[in-house]
C-alpha atoms as a PDB file:
ATOM      1  CA  MET A   1      -7.020  -1.529 -34.035  1.00  0.00           C
ATOM      2  CA  THR A   2      -9.300   1.319 -33.307  1.00  0.00           C
ATOM      3  CA  PHE A   3      -8.225   4.221 -31.097  1.00  0.00           C
ATOM      4  CA  ARG A   4     -10.771   3.123 -28.415  1.00  0.00           C
ATOM      5  CA  SER A   5      -9.472  -0.477 -28.193  1.00  0.00           C
ATOM      6  CA  ALA A   6      -5.903   0.764 -28.255  1.00  0.00           C
ATOM      7  CA  LEU A   7      -6.556   3.159 -25.388  1.00  0.00           C
ATOM      8  CA  SER A   8      -8.303   0.375 -23.338  1.00  0.00           C
ATOM      9  CA  VAL A   9      -5.122  -1.703 -23.439  1.00  0.00           C
ATOM     10  CA  MET A  10      -2.674   1.182 -23.012  1.00  0.00           C
ATOM     11  CA  VAL A  11      -4.344   2.866 -19.945  1.00  0.00           C
ATOM     12  CA  PRO A  12      -4.202  -0.084 -17.619  1.00  0.00           C
ATOM     13  CA  LEU A  13      -0.614  -0.860 -18.769  1.00  0.00           C
ATOM     14  CA  ALA A  14       0.370   2.745 -18.035  1.00  0.00           C
ATOM     15  CA  MET A  15      -1.185   2.615 -14.529  1.00  0.00           C
ATOM     16  CA  LEU A  16       0.630  -0.661 -13.713  1.00  0.00           C
ATOM     17  CA  ALA A  17       3.965   0.579 -15.093  1.00  0.00           C
ATOM     18  CA  ALA A  18       3.518   3.733 -12.901  1.00  0.00           C
ATOM     19  CA  CYS A  19       3.381   1.424  -9.808  1.00  0.00           C
ATOM     20  CA  ALA A  20       6.757  -0.308 -10.734  1.00  0.00           C
ATOM     21  CA  VAL A  21       9.584   0.453  -8.493  1.00  0.00           C
ATOM     22  CA  SER A  22      13.282  -0.263  -9.271  1.00  0.00           C
ATOM     23  CA  GLN A  23      15.775  -1.600  -6.919  1.00  0.00           C
ATOM     24  CA  PRO A  24      18.336   1.025  -5.588  1.00  0.00           C
ATOM     25  CA  ASP A  25      21.864   0.809  -7.115  1.00  0.00           C
ATOM     26  CA  ARG A  26      24.560  -0.697  -5.124  1.00  0.00           C
ATOM     27  CA  PRO A  27      28.268  -0.676  -5.781  1.00  0.00           C
ATOM     28  CA  VAL A  28      29.851  -3.629  -7.514  1.00  0.00           C
ATOM     29  CA  GLY A  29      31.180  -6.137  -4.977  1.00  0.00           C
ATOM     30  CA  GLU A  30      29.031  -5.010  -2.224  1.00  0.00           C
ATOM     31  CA  PRO A  31      27.626  -8.128  -0.373  1.00  0.00           C
ATOM     32  CA  VAL A  32      23.909  -8.790  -0.957  1.00  0.00           C
ATOM     33  CA  SER A  33      22.280  -8.898   2.531  1.00  0.00           C
ATOM     34  CA  ALA A  34      19.657 -11.456   3.441  1.00  0.00           C
ATOM     35  CA  PRO A  35      16.111 -10.554   2.596  1.00  0.00           C
ATOM     36  CA  ALA A  36      14.232  -8.757   5.402  1.00  0.00           C
ATOM     37  CA  ALA A  37      11.466 -10.567   7.315  1.00  0.00           C
ATOM     38  CA  ALA A  38       8.034 -10.274   5.575  1.00  0.00           C
ATOM     39  CA  PRO A  39       6.428  -6.865   6.596  1.00  0.00           C
ATOM     40  CA  GLN A  40       3.486  -6.891   8.974  1.00  0.00           C
ATOM     41  CA  ALA A  41       0.066  -5.440   7.972  1.00  0.00           C
ATOM     42  CA  VAL A  42       0.154  -1.595   8.551  1.00  0.00           C
ATOM     43  CA  VAL A  43      -2.988   0.575   8.775  1.00  0.00           C
ATOM     44  CA  GLY A  44      -3.251   3.677   6.515  1.00  0.00           C
ATOM     45  CA  THR A  45      -5.709   6.036   4.885  1.00  0.00           C
ATOM     46  CA  VAL A  46      -7.034   5.886   1.419  1.00  0.00           C
ATOM     47  CA  GLU A  47      -5.842   9.072  -0.401  1.00  0.00           C
ATOM     48  CA  SER A  48      -7.144   8.247  -3.842  1.00  0.00           C
ATOM     49  CA  ALA A  49      -9.183   5.603  -5.728  1.00  0.00           C
ATOM     50  CA  SER A  50      -9.645   5.210  -9.374  1.00  0.00           C
ATOM     51  CA  VAL A  51     -11.047   2.591 -11.688  1.00  0.00           C
ATOM     52  CA  VAL A  52      -8.513   0.851 -13.747  1.00  0.00           C
ATOM     53  CA  SER A  53     -10.858  -1.613 -15.593  1.00  0.00           C
ATOM     54  CA  LEU A  54     -14.435  -2.573 -15.562  1.00  0.00           C
ATOM     55  CA  SER A  55     -16.098  -5.982 -15.467  1.00  0.00           C
ATOM     56  CA  SER A  56     -16.328  -7.720 -18.854  1.00  0.00           C
ATOM     57  CA  VAL A  57     -19.415  -9.584 -17.816  1.00  0.00           C
ATOM     58  CA  PRO A  58     -22.330  -8.765 -20.010  1.00  0.00           C
ATOM     59  CA  SER A  59     -25.508  -7.421 -18.392  1.00  0.00           C
ATOM     60  CA  ALA A  60     -28.848  -9.171 -18.605  1.00  0.00           C
ATOM     61  CA  GLY A  61     -30.151  -6.214 -20.615  1.00  0.00           C
ATOM     62  CA  ALA A  62     -27.479  -6.518 -23.117  1.00  0.00           C
ATOM     63  CA  GLY A  63     -28.412 -10.035 -24.116  1.00  0.00           C
ATOM     64  CA  GLY A  64     -26.261 -11.744 -21.374  1.00  0.00           C
ATOM     65  CA  ALA A  65     -27.385 -14.079 -18.638  1.00  0.00           C
ATOM     66  CA  SER A  66     -28.057 -12.395 -15.207  1.00  0.00           C
ATOM     67  CA  GLY A  67     -25.815 -13.584 -12.505  1.00  0.00           C
ATOM     68  CA  PRO A  68     -23.309 -12.214 -10.150  1.00  0.00           C
ATOM     69  CA  SER A  69     -21.315  -9.419 -11.556  1.00  0.00           C
ATOM     70  CA  SER A  70     -17.674  -9.063 -10.664  1.00  0.00           C
ATOM     71  CA  SER A  71     -16.351  -5.718  -9.251  1.00  0.00           C
ATOM     72  CA  PRO A  72     -14.021  -3.343 -11.228  1.00  0.00           C
ATOM     73  CA  THR A  73     -10.336  -3.437 -10.753  1.00  0.00           C
ATOM     74  CA  MET A  74      -9.381  -0.324  -8.685  1.00  0.00           C
ATOM     75  CA  ALA A  75      -6.227   1.561  -8.154  1.00  0.00           C
ATOM     76  CA  TYR A  76      -5.645   2.896  -4.553  1.00  0.00           C
ATOM     77  CA  ARG A  77      -3.072   5.331  -3.257  1.00  0.00           C
ATOM     78  CA  VAL A  78      -2.686   4.916   0.654  1.00  0.00           C
ATOM     79  CA  GLN A  79      -1.120   7.274   2.887  1.00  0.00           C
ATOM     80  CA  MET A  80       0.924   5.347   5.524  1.00  0.00           C
ATOM     81  CA  PRO A  81       1.508   6.628   9.249  1.00  0.00           C
ATOM     82  CA  ASP A  82       5.196   7.314   8.459  1.00  0.00           C
ATOM     83  CA  GLY A  83       4.059   9.747   5.676  1.00  0.00           C
ATOM     84  CA  SER A  84       5.024   7.463   2.736  1.00  0.00           C
ATOM     85  CA  THR A  85       2.398   6.313   0.287  1.00  0.00           C
ATOM     86  CA  ARG A  86       1.687   2.892  -1.206  1.00  0.00           C
ATOM     87  CA  SER A  87      -0.116   2.035  -4.497  1.00  0.00           C
ATOM     88  CA  VAL A  88      -2.300  -0.962  -4.696  1.00  0.00           C
ATOM     89  CA  VAL A  89      -4.351  -2.292  -7.579  1.00  0.00           C
ATOM     90  CA  GLN A  90      -6.972  -4.915  -6.768  1.00  0.00           C
ATOM     91  CA  ALA A  91     -10.500  -6.180  -7.530  1.00  0.00           C
ATOM     92  CA  GLY A  92     -13.023  -7.093  -4.828  1.00  0.00           C
ATOM     93  CA  GLU A  93     -13.976  -5.067  -1.778  1.00  0.00           C
ATOM     94  CA  ARG A  94     -14.192  -1.346  -2.627  1.00  0.00           C
ATOM     95  CA  PHE A  95     -12.878   1.542  -0.380  1.00  0.00           C
ATOM     96  CA  ALA A  96     -13.600   5.259  -0.490  1.00  0.00           C
ATOM     97  CA  VAL A  97     -11.144   8.182   0.040  1.00  0.00           C
ATOM     98  CA  GLY A  98     -10.720   8.723   3.717  1.00  0.00           C
ATOM     99  CA  ASP A  99     -11.251   5.028   4.598  1.00  0.00           C
ATOM    100  CA  SER A 100      -8.813   3.381   7.075  1.00  0.00           C
ATOM    101  CA  VAL A 101      -7.357   0.383   5.435  1.00  0.00           C
ATOM    102  CA  ARG A 102      -4.904  -2.398   6.524  1.00  0.00           C
ATOM    103  CA  VAL A 103      -2.164  -3.139   3.792  1.00  0.00           C
ATOM    104  CA  THR A 104      -1.358  -6.777   4.141  1.00  0.00           C
ATOM    105  CA  ALA A 105       2.141  -8.248   3.818  1.00  0.00           C
ATOM    106  CA  ASP A 106       1.084  -9.558   0.336  1.00  0.00           C
ATOM    107  CA  GLY A 107       0.039  -6.031  -0.783  1.00  0.00           C
ATOM    108  CA  ARG A 108      -3.715  -6.242  -0.512  1.00  0.00           C
ATOM    109  CA  LEU A 109      -6.122  -3.945   1.135  1.00  0.00           C
ATOM    110  CA  THR A 110      -8.505  -5.036   3.815  1.00  0.00           C
ATOM    111  CA  ARG A 111     -10.608  -3.444   6.582  1.00  0.00           C
ATOM    112  CA  PRO A 112      -8.819  -2.950   9.853  1.00  0.00           C
END
């Protein structure tokens, strides 16, 4: 495996691992509470945006067929009204730093 191919696998995995959050510890024997209701969509502001991976669709100039290209997968950090931040990784609609975005209950970004 070449350095470049190893790097192209390791960087996205590292980005996803950085977004993982562990459950807080609780004492043994403490009852488990019922799960909270699904959170409602909340509006925040994009604090940072970076490309995680590019589309693998070949371009027409590179010998591929011309057609619709898929958008790159992006990692966003969103500043929430309560001062916390949320990290979202998704493909599709792109957002710029400073954009107001809605974080849906399923963890996707949309325009408010």
